[in-house]
Amino acid sequence: MKTVKFFAVAMVALVAATSSVKAQEFKASADVVSSYVWRGTFQSGVAVQPTFDFTTGGFSIGAWGSTALSELSGSLMQEADLYAKYTFGFGLSAGLTDYYYTGNTFFNYDKGGSHALELNLGYTAGSFSLSGNYLLNVNSDMYFEAGYAFDKVSVFVGAGNEVYSADGKFALLNIGASTTKELKITDTFSIPLKASVILNPKSEQFFFVAGITL
């Protein structure tokens, strides 16, 4: 809980620091995906994944969720995450993500409790991106990912240990490519389509994921 309190104070300070910035934006959307694959690991079958985001200046805070619509994974998994992030003008970002799986007691932040708290660092320079993530209250789990966006296709490669790897050892877990396309419905309305191919060399599993954004 000390980590949560410290983070809350830090976020209030960031909001105060950016309160003079006039540009504020609320966003709400939802993805429908053929399967939910997270960092190279299968989580569930068909799922609805809503997002709510508020941005002011370089600060953003929001919520993201996933509710499975099929029992392909053996259960109708539900996830509700909270996040906060600050992006600096030179491409660096820092934030915290709270992963929570519904059905568990919400206010249990102890190690092995209902939440996984993760520190997030990212850096973007043109088409190149790099991120590092560290779980605070779940062992010493780390995940790193690098990506590059070409004109129509983005490629990525990710590696991690502990919870991401079956034997806990650091390994390549998430190699793939993704693309998006606008499906034109009318002259003024279109639906974004996206698709990804993902290979997990550690588990020797291959995934093809398609989705739409509403």
Protein backbone atom coordinates (compact mmCIF):
# COMPACT_ATOMS: atom_id res chain seq x y z
CA MET A 1 0.00 0.00 0.00
CA LYS A 2 2.98 2.37 0.53
CA THR A 3 3.76 2.08 -3.18
CA VAL A 4 0.17 2.90 -4.08
CA LYS A 5 0.10 5.96 -1.77
CA PHE A 6 3.40 7.24 -3.12
CA PHE A 7 2.19 6.81 -6.67
CA ALA A 8 -1.07 8.62 -5.92
CA VAL A 9 0.84 11.61 -4.51
CA ALA A 10 3.13 11.65 -7.53
CA MET A 11 0.19 11.60 -9.91
CA VAL A 12 -1.51 14.51 -8.10
CA ALA A 13 1.73 16.47 -8.42
CA LEU A 14 1.90 15.74 -12.15
CA VAL A 15 -1.71 16.81 -12.66
CA ALA A 16 -1.00 20.07 -10.81
CA ALA A 17 2.10 20.63 -12.94
CA THR A 18 0.12 20.22 -16.15
CA SER A 19 -3.04 22.01 -15.05
CA SER A 20 -1.97 25.14 -16.91
CA VAL A 21 -1.93 23.23 -20.18
CA LYS A 22 -5.17 23.90 -22.07
CA ALA A 23 -5.06 20.79 -24.26
CA GLN A 24 -7.12 18.12 -22.51
CA GLU A 25 -8.61 15.09 -24.19
CA PHE A 26 -10.93 12.24 -23.20
CA LYS A 27 -10.94 9.09 -25.29
CA ALA A 28 -13.18 6.05 -25.07
CA SER A 29 -13.01 3.06 -27.41
CA ALA A 30 -13.33 -0.71 -27.48
CA ASP A 31 -11.50 -3.43 -29.39
CA VAL A 32 -13.01 -6.79 -30.31
CA VAL A 33 -10.21 -9.32 -30.82
CA SER A 34 -10.17 -12.90 -32.04
CA SER A 35 -7.92 -13.84 -29.12
CA TYR A 36 -6.06 -12.08 -26.33
CA VAL A 37 -2.30 -12.67 -26.49
CA TRP A 38 -0.18 -10.66 -24.03
CA ARG A 39 3.57 -10.49 -24.40
CA GLY A 40 3.66 -13.75 -26.28
CA THR A 41 1.34 -15.64 -23.91
CA PHE A 42 -2.22 -16.72 -24.73
CA GLN A 43 -4.72 -15.27 -22.23
CA SER A 44 -8.17 -15.96 -23.69
CA GLY A 45 -10.23 -16.49 -26.80
CA VAL A 46 -12.53 -13.87 -28.36
CA ALA A 47 -12.62 -10.81 -26.10
CA VAL A 48 -13.96 -7.27 -25.81
CA GLN A 49 -11.31 -4.79 -24.60
CA PRO A 50 -12.56 -1.29 -23.66
CA THR A 51 -10.27 1.67 -23.03
CA PHE A 52 -10.90 4.98 -21.25
CA ASP A 53 -8.15 7.60 -21.30
CA PHE A 54 -7.70 11.18 -20.10
CA THR A 55 -4.72 13.23 -21.31
CA THR A 56 -3.56 16.68 -20.28
CA GLY A 57 -0.20 17.89 -21.48
CA GLY A 58 2.26 15.03 -21.17
CA PHE A 59 0.23 13.27 -18.47
CA SER A 60 -2.29 10.51 -19.16
CA ILE A 61 -4.33 8.31 -16.88
CA GLY A 62 -6.87 5.67 -17.76
CA ALA A 63 -8.35 2.21 -17.56
CA TRP A 64 -8.17 -0.81 -19.86
CA GLY A 65 -10.06 -4.07 -19.58
CA SER A 66 -10.57 -7.43 -21.26
CA THR A 67 -13.59 -9.70 -21.00
CA ALA A 68 -13.45 -13.05 -22.79
CA LEU A 69 -16.54 -14.05 -24.75
CA SER A 70 -15.60 -17.69 -25.23
CA GLU A 71 -14.20 -20.46 -23.05
CA LEU A 72 -11.42 -21.32 -25.46
CA SER A 73 -8.95 -20.64 -22.65
CA GLY A 74 -10.91 -22.74 -20.18
CA SER A 75 -12.44 -19.75 -18.41
CA LEU A 76 -14.15 -16.45 -19.13
CA MET A 77 -11.21 -14.38 -17.94
CA GLN A 78 -11.88 -10.78 -16.96
CA GLU A 79 -9.16 -8.19 -16.44
CA ALA A 80 -9.41 -4.55 -15.33
CA ASP A 81 -6.21 -2.48 -15.40
CA LEU A 82 -5.47 1.07 -14.27
CA TYR A 83 -2.53 3.05 -15.57
CA ALA A 84 -0.86 6.44 -15.36
CA LYS A 85 1.96 7.76 -17.53
CA TYR A 86 3.95 10.91 -18.15
CA THR A 87 5.61 11.51 -21.52
CA PHE A 88 8.47 13.97 -21.72
CA GLY A 89 9.13 16.10 -24.78
CA PHE A 90 12.22 14.16 -25.84
CA GLY A 91 10.51 10.78 -26.25
CA LEU A 92 10.91 9.29 -22.76
CA SER A 93 7.86 8.08 -20.82
CA ALA A 94 7.45 6.74 -17.30
CA GLY A 95 4.41 5.25 -15.63
CA LEU A 96 2.76 2.64 -13.47
CA THR A 97 0.25 -0.06 -14.43
CA ASP A 98 -2.02 -1.87 -11.98
CA TYR A 99 -3.08 -5.29 -13.36
CA TYR A 100 -6.19 -6.62 -11.64
CA TYR A 101 -8.17 -9.77 -12.39
CA THR A 102 -11.82 -9.48 -11.42
CA GLY A 103 -13.24 -11.95 -8.95
CA ASN A 104 -10.41 -11.32 -6.49
CA THR A 105 -10.59 -8.98 -3.50
CA PHE A 106 -9.77 -5.55 -4.91
CA PHE A 107 -7.98 -3.97 -1.92
CA ASN A 108 -5.31 -6.66 -1.53
CA TYR A 109 -2.05 -5.12 -2.80
CA ASP A 110 0.29 -7.47 -0.90
CA LYS A 111 2.70 -9.74 -2.74
CA GLY A 112 0.66 -12.55 -4.21
CA GLY A 113 -2.55 -10.51 -3.72
CA SER A 114 -5.13 -9.34 -6.24
CA HIS A 115 -2.89 -6.91 -8.07
CA ALA A 116 0.35 -6.81 -10.00
CA LEU A 117 1.96 -3.37 -9.93
CA GLU A 118 4.38 -2.68 -12.75
CA LEU A 119 6.79 0.18 -13.38
CA ASN A 120 6.93 1.13 -17.07
CA LEU A 121 9.65 2.99 -18.96
CA GLY A 122 9.54 3.72 -22.67
CA TYR A 123 11.48 5.63 -25.27
CA THR A 124 10.46 6.54 -28.81
CA ALA A 125 12.67 8.08 -31.47
CA GLY A 126 11.00 8.37 -34.85
CA SER A 127 9.87 4.89 -35.91
CA PHE A 128 11.91 3.11 -33.22
CA SER A 129 10.52 2.27 -29.78
CA LEU A 130 11.95 0.60 -26.70
CA SER A 131 10.26 -0.31 -23.42
CA GLY A 132 11.22 -1.85 -20.10
CA ASN A 133 8.79 -3.14 -17.46
CA TYR A 134 9.35 -4.35 -13.89
CA LEU A 135 6.74 -5.94 -11.61
CA LEU A 136 7.07 -4.53 -8.09
CA ASN A 137 5.16 -7.06 -6.04
CA VAL A 138 5.48 -10.27 -8.07
CA ASN A 139 8.96 -11.81 -7.77
CA SER A 140 11.43 -9.88 -9.96
CA ASP A 141 9.55 -10.15 -13.22
CA MET A 142 10.98 -8.11 -16.10
CA TYR A 143 9.91 -7.67 -19.70
CA PHE A 144 11.67 -5.70 -22.45
CA GLU A 145 10.47 -4.98 -25.96
CA ALA A 146 11.84 -3.21 -29.03
CA GLY A 147 9.80 -2.22 -32.05
CA TYR A 148 10.11 -0.51 -35.39
CA ALA A 149 7.25 0.94 -37.45
CA PHE A 150 7.60 0.75 -41.21
CA ASP A 151 5.13 2.39 -43.60
CA LYS A 152 2.44 -0.29 -43.35
CA VAL A 153 3.82 -2.88 -40.94
CA SER A 154 5.29 -2.71 -37.44
CA VAL A 155 7.67 -5.37 -36.13
CA PHE A 156 8.51 -6.16 -32.51
CA VAL A 157 10.61 -8.47 -30.39
CA GLY A 158 10.20 -8.99 -26.64
CA ALA A 159 11.97 -10.93 -23.91
CA GLY A 160 11.27 -11.58 -20.24
CA ASN A 161 11.69 -13.87 -17.27
CA GLU A 162 9.77 -15.33 -14.30
CA VAL A 163 6.00 -15.14 -14.95
CA TYR A 164 6.53 -14.76 -18.71
CA SER A 165 8.80 -17.80 -19.00
CA ALA A 166 7.75 -21.33 -18.05
CA ASP A 167 11.05 -22.07 -16.27
CA GLY A 168 11.56 -18.52 -14.98
CA LYS A 169 14.68 -17.96 -17.06
CA PHE A 170 15.15 -14.91 -19.26
CA ALA A 171 14.22 -15.74 -22.87
CA LEU A 172 12.78 -14.46 -26.15
CA LEU A 173 9.00 -14.68 -25.83
CA ASN A 174 7.31 -12.37 -28.28
CA ILE A 175 8.40 -11.93 -31.92
CA GLY A 176 5.98 -10.69 -34.52
CA ALA A 177 4.49 -8.11 -36.83
CA SER A 178 1.26 -6.13 -36.92
CA THR A 179 -0.61 -3.99 -39.41
CA THR A 180 -3.74 -1.84 -39.51
CA LYS A 181 -6.22 -0.90 -42.24
CA GLU A 182 -9.25 1.37 -42.36
CA LEU A 183 -12.45 -0.33 -43.51
CA LYS A 184 -14.53 2.39 -45.17
CA ILE A 185 -18.24 2.10 -44.34
CA THR A 186 -19.42 5.50 -45.61
CA ASP A 187 -17.74 8.68 -46.82
CA THR A 188 -17.51 9.88 -43.22
CA PHE A 189 -17.24 6.65 -41.22
CA SER A 190 -14.67 3.86 -41.21
CA ILE A 191 -13.66 1.04 -38.84
CA PRO A 192 -9.99 0.38 -38.04
CA LEU A 193 -8.98 -3.25 -38.63
CA LYS A 194 -5.78 -4.73 -37.20
CA ALA A 195 -3.95 -8.02 -37.43
CA SER A 196 -0.87 -9.50 -35.78
CA VAL A 197 1.24 -12.61 -36.20
CA ILE A 198 3.11 -13.63 -33.06
CA LEU A 199 5.70 -16.32 -32.34
CA ASN A 200 6.76 -17.34 -28.84
CA PRO A 201 10.08 -19.21 -29.29
CA LYS A 202 10.15 -20.23 -25.63
CA SER A 203 6.78 -22.01 -25.63
CA GLU A 204 7.02 -22.88 -29.34
CA GLN A 205 3.58 -21.38 -29.97
CA PHE A 206 2.37 -19.32 -32.93
CA PHE A 207 -0.64 -16.96 -32.92
CA PHE A 208 -2.63 -15.03 -35.49
CA VAL A 209 -4.79 -12.30 -33.95
CA ALA A 210 -7.32 -10.06 -35.72
CA GLY A 211 -9.41 -7.25 -34.30
CA ILE A 212 -11.52 -4.17 -34.90
CA THR A 213 -11.75 -0.90 -32.96
CA LEU A 214 -15.16 0.61 -32.23
